[in-house]
Amino acid sequence: MAYDSTVMRLTSGAYPGQQCFHYKTTDLISTVVASGYFDTAVDDYNLDTGDVIIATTGALGAAAIDLLVATNTAGTVTVVNGT
């Protein structure tokens, strides 16, 4: 599958200048951490470098939970899995 903006939610509790999101998908974490997966989120949510994504992934969007940190380089987003 691909990134789906309807399952990404902005959450509270981030530091000033940093956003925190929850993202739930049936995609495997190996798909979610691929470069460019979250590119559309730049327009959808102003995803930027240093933003945090709590990703629940896999079967039923409940097989794993990972903490991702985004880097936005000219609209191309990469994430580092900080789990």
N, C-alpha and C. Protein backbone atom coordinates (compact mmCIF):
# COMPACT_ATOMS: atom_id res chain seq x y z
N MET A 1 0.84 -1.18 0.00
CA MET A 1 0.00 0.00 0.00
C MET A 1 0.88 1.24 0.00
N ALA A 2 0.26 2.37 0.17
CA ALA A 2 0.97 3.65 0.19
C ALA A 2 0.47 4.49 1.35
N TYR A 3 1.19 5.56 1.61
CA TYR A 3 0.79 6.52 2.64
C TYR A 3 -0.68 6.91 2.45
N ASP A 4 -1.41 6.99 3.54
CA ASP A 4 -2.83 7.34 3.52
C ASP A 4 -3.06 8.45 4.55
N SER A 5 -3.34 9.65 4.08
CA SER A 5 -3.49 10.80 4.99
C SER A 5 -4.67 10.64 5.94
N THR A 6 -5.64 9.78 5.62
CA THR A 6 -6.81 9.63 6.48
C THR A 6 -6.53 8.86 7.76
N VAL A 7 -5.35 8.24 7.85
CA VAL A 7 -5.02 7.49 9.06
C VAL A 7 -3.83 8.11 9.81
N MET A 8 -3.53 9.36 9.51
CA MET A 8 -2.48 10.09 10.23
C MET A 8 -3.15 11.18 11.05
N ARG A 9 -2.78 11.25 12.32
CA ARG A 9 -3.39 12.23 13.23
C ARG A 9 -2.32 13.01 13.96
N LEU A 10 -2.50 14.31 14.02
CA LEU A 10 -1.63 15.16 14.81
C LEU A 10 -2.02 14.97 16.27
N THR A 11 -1.03 14.75 17.13
CA THR A 11 -1.29 14.55 18.55
C THR A 11 -0.70 15.72 19.33
N SER A 12 -0.97 15.76 20.60
CA SER A 12 -0.42 16.83 21.44
C SER A 12 0.82 16.32 22.16
N GLY A 13 1.53 17.21 22.76
CA GLY A 13 2.65 16.84 23.60
C GLY A 13 4.02 17.04 22.99
N ALA A 14 4.09 17.59 21.80
CA ALA A 14 5.41 17.83 21.18
C ALA A 14 6.01 19.11 21.74
N TYR A 15 7.30 19.24 21.55
CA TYR A 15 7.99 20.46 21.94
C TYR A 15 7.65 21.58 20.96
N PRO A 16 7.77 22.84 21.39
CA PRO A 16 7.52 23.95 20.46
C PRO A 16 8.39 23.80 19.19
N GLY A 17 7.77 23.95 18.04
CA GLY A 17 8.47 23.81 16.78
C GLY A 17 8.58 22.38 16.28
N GLN A 18 8.01 21.45 17.03
CA GLN A 18 8.05 20.04 16.65
C GLN A 18 6.63 19.50 16.70
N GLN A 19 6.27 18.67 15.72
CA GLN A 19 4.95 18.04 15.71
C GLN A 19 5.09 16.56 16.05
N CYS A 20 4.03 15.99 16.59
CA CYS A 20 3.98 14.56 16.90
C CYS A 20 2.71 13.99 16.27
N PHE A 21 2.87 12.89 15.56
CA PHE A 21 1.75 12.27 14.84
C PHE A 21 1.58 10.81 15.27
N HIS A 22 0.37 10.30 15.11
CA HIS A 22 0.11 8.87 15.18
C HIS A 22 -0.32 8.44 13.79
N TYR A 23 0.27 7.36 13.30
CA TYR A 23 -0.04 6.84 11.97
C TYR A 23 -0.32 5.36 12.08
N LYS A 24 -1.48 4.93 11.60
CA LYS A 24 -1.89 3.52 11.69
C LYS A 24 -2.10 2.97 10.29
N THR A 25 -1.42 1.84 9.99
CA THR A 25 -1.50 1.26 8.65
C THR A 25 -1.30 -0.24 8.71
N THR A 26 -1.81 -0.94 7.72
CA THR A 26 -1.55 -2.37 7.60
C THR A 26 -0.25 -2.63 6.84
N ASP A 27 0.39 -1.57 6.34
CA ASP A 27 1.71 -1.71 5.71
C ASP A 27 2.71 -2.23 6.73
N LEU A 28 3.69 -2.97 6.26
CA LEU A 28 4.77 -3.41 7.13
C LEU A 28 5.69 -2.23 7.42
N ILE A 29 6.38 -2.28 8.56
CA ILE A 29 7.27 -1.18 8.92
C ILE A 29 8.37 -1.00 7.87
N SER A 30 8.79 -2.06 7.22
CA SER A 30 9.81 -1.94 6.17
C SER A 30 9.33 -1.08 5.01
N THR A 31 8.03 -1.08 4.74
CA THR A 31 7.45 -0.22 3.71
C THR A 31 7.36 1.21 4.20
N VAL A 32 6.92 1.38 5.43
CA VAL A 32 6.71 2.72 6.01
C VAL A 32 8.01 3.51 6.13
N VAL A 33 9.12 2.84 6.41
CA VAL A 33 10.38 3.55 6.58
C VAL A 33 11.12 3.80 5.26
N ALA A 34 10.56 3.37 4.15
CA ALA A 34 11.20 3.61 2.86
C ALA A 34 11.19 5.10 2.54
N SER A 35 12.28 5.58 1.97
CA SER A 35 12.38 6.99 1.60
C SER A 35 11.24 7.39 0.68
N GLY A 36 10.61 8.50 0.99
CA GLY A 36 9.53 9.02 0.17
C GLY A 36 8.14 8.59 0.59
N TYR A 37 8.01 7.63 1.51
CA TYR A 37 6.69 7.13 1.92
C TYR A 37 5.82 8.28 2.43
N PHE A 38 6.39 9.18 3.22
CA PHE A 38 5.62 10.26 3.83
C PHE A 38 5.71 11.58 3.06
N ASP A 39 6.17 11.57 1.82
CA ASP A 39 6.31 12.82 1.05
C ASP A 39 5.02 13.63 0.99
N THR A 40 3.90 12.99 0.79
CA THR A 40 2.61 13.69 0.69
C THR A 40 2.24 14.37 2.01
N ALA A 41 2.76 13.85 3.12
CA ALA A 41 2.47 14.44 4.43
C ALA A 41 3.09 15.83 4.58
N VAL A 42 4.05 16.16 3.73
CA VAL A 42 4.61 17.51 3.74
C VAL A 42 3.51 18.51 3.40
N ASP A 43 2.72 18.21 2.39
CA ASP A 43 1.60 19.08 2.02
C ASP A 43 0.41 18.90 2.96
N ASP A 44 0.13 17.66 3.35
CA ASP A 44 -1.03 17.38 4.19
C ASP A 44 -0.90 17.95 5.61
N TYR A 45 0.29 17.82 6.19
CA TYR A 45 0.47 18.16 7.61
C TYR A 45 1.69 19.04 7.89
N ASN A 46 2.34 19.55 6.85
CA ASN A 46 3.55 20.34 7.03
C ASN A 46 4.63 19.54 7.77
N LEU A 47 4.71 18.24 7.45
CA LEU A 47 5.71 17.37 8.07
C LEU A 47 7.10 17.92 7.79
N ASP A 48 7.90 18.03 8.85
CA ASP A 48 9.21 18.65 8.70
C ASP A 48 10.26 17.90 9.51
N THR A 49 11.49 18.28 9.32
CA THR A 49 12.61 17.66 10.01
C THR A 49 12.42 17.76 11.52
N GLY A 50 12.62 16.63 12.19
CA GLY A 50 12.49 16.58 13.65
C GLY A 50 11.12 16.16 14.13
N ASP A 51 10.12 16.16 13.24
CA ASP A 51 8.79 15.71 13.65
C ASP A 51 8.83 14.22 13.97
N VAL A 52 7.98 13.82 14.91
CA VAL A 52 7.93 12.44 15.40
C VAL A 52 6.65 11.78 14.91
N ILE A 53 6.78 10.53 14.49
CA ILE A 53 5.61 9.75 14.06
C ILE A 53 5.59 8.46 14.87
N ILE A 54 4.50 8.25 15.60
CA ILE A 54 4.28 6.98 16.28
C ILE A 54 3.52 6.12 15.28
N ALA A 55 4.16 5.07 14.79
CA ALA A 55 3.56 4.26 13.73
C ALA A 55 3.13 2.90 14.27
N THR A 56 1.85 2.58 14.12
CA THR A 56 1.37 1.24 14.39
C THR A 56 1.14 0.59 13.03
N THR A 57 1.78 -0.54 12.82
CA THR A 57 1.86 -1.12 11.48
C THR A 57 1.54 -2.61 11.49
N GLY A 58 1.40 -3.16 10.27
CA GLY A 58 1.20 -4.59 10.10
C GLY A 58 -0.26 -4.99 10.17
N ALA A 59 -0.49 -6.26 10.39
CA ALA A 59 -1.85 -6.82 10.37
C ALA A 59 -2.79 -6.01 11.25
N LEU A 60 -3.87 -5.54 10.66
CA LEU A 60 -4.90 -4.73 11.33
C LEU A 60 -4.33 -3.43 11.91
N GLY A 61 -3.14 -3.05 11.49
CA GLY A 61 -2.51 -1.85 12.03
C GLY A 61 -2.17 -2.01 13.49
N ALA A 62 -1.94 -3.27 13.91
CA ALA A 62 -1.72 -3.53 15.32
C ALA A 62 -0.62 -4.55 15.59
N ALA A 63 0.23 -4.84 14.60
CA ALA A 63 1.26 -5.87 14.77
C ALA A 63 2.52 -5.32 15.44
N ALA A 64 2.79 -4.03 15.25
CA ALA A 64 4.01 -3.45 15.81
C ALA A 64 3.81 -1.96 16.04
N ILE A 65 4.59 -1.41 16.94
CA ILE A 65 4.60 0.04 17.15
C ILE A 65 6.05 0.50 17.09
N ASP A 66 6.27 1.56 16.33
CA ASP A 66 7.61 2.09 16.15
C ASP A 66 7.57 3.61 16.29
N LEU A 67 8.67 4.15 16.76
CA LEU A 67 8.82 5.59 16.91
C LEU A 67 9.75 6.07 15.80
N LEU A 68 9.23 6.94 14.92
CA LEU A 68 9.98 7.42 13.77
C LEU A 68 10.27 8.90 13.91
N VAL A 69 11.43 9.32 13.43
CA VAL A 69 11.79 10.73 13.38
C VAL A 69 12.01 11.11 11.92
N ALA A 70 11.34 12.17 11.48
CA ALA A 70 11.35 12.56 10.07
C ALA A 70 12.47 13.54 9.76
N THR A 71 12.95 13.45 8.52
CA THR A 71 13.84 14.45 7.93
C THR A 71 13.24 14.84 6.60
N ASN A 72 12.98 16.13 6.41
CA ASN A 72 12.42 16.64 5.17
C ASN A 72 13.53 17.39 4.43
N THR A 73 13.94 16.84 3.30
CA THR A 73 14.96 17.47 2.48
C THR A 73 14.33 17.86 1.16
N ALA A 74 13.95 19.14 1.03
CA ALA A 74 13.33 19.67 -0.19
C ALA A 74 12.11 18.87 -0.61
N GLY A 75 11.30 18.45 0.37
CA GLY A 75 10.05 17.75 0.08
C GLY A 75 10.16 16.24 0.03
N THR A 76 11.36 15.71 0.11
CA THR A 76 11.54 14.25 0.19
C THR A 76 11.76 13.89 1.65
N VAL A 77 10.87 13.02 2.16
CA VAL A 77 10.91 12.68 3.58
C VAL A 77 11.56 11.31 3.76
N THR A 78 12.51 11.26 4.68
CA THR A 78 13.06 10.00 5.17
C THR A 78 12.75 9.94 6.65
N VAL A 79 12.68 8.73 7.17
CA VAL A 79 12.45 8.56 8.61
C VAL A 79 13.48 7.60 9.17
N VAL A 80 13.81 7.82 10.43
CA VAL A 80 14.69 6.94 11.16
C VAL A 80 13.84 6.26 12.21
N ASN A 81 13.96 4.96 12.29
CA ASN A 81 13.22 4.19 13.28
C ASN A 81 13.98 4.26 14.59
N GLY A 82 13.41 4.95 15.55
CA GLY A 82 14.08 5.15 16.83
C GLY A 82 13.71 4.13 17.89
N THR A 83 13.07 3.05 17.49
CA THR A 83 12.66 2.04 18.46
C THR A 83 13.85 1.41 19.12
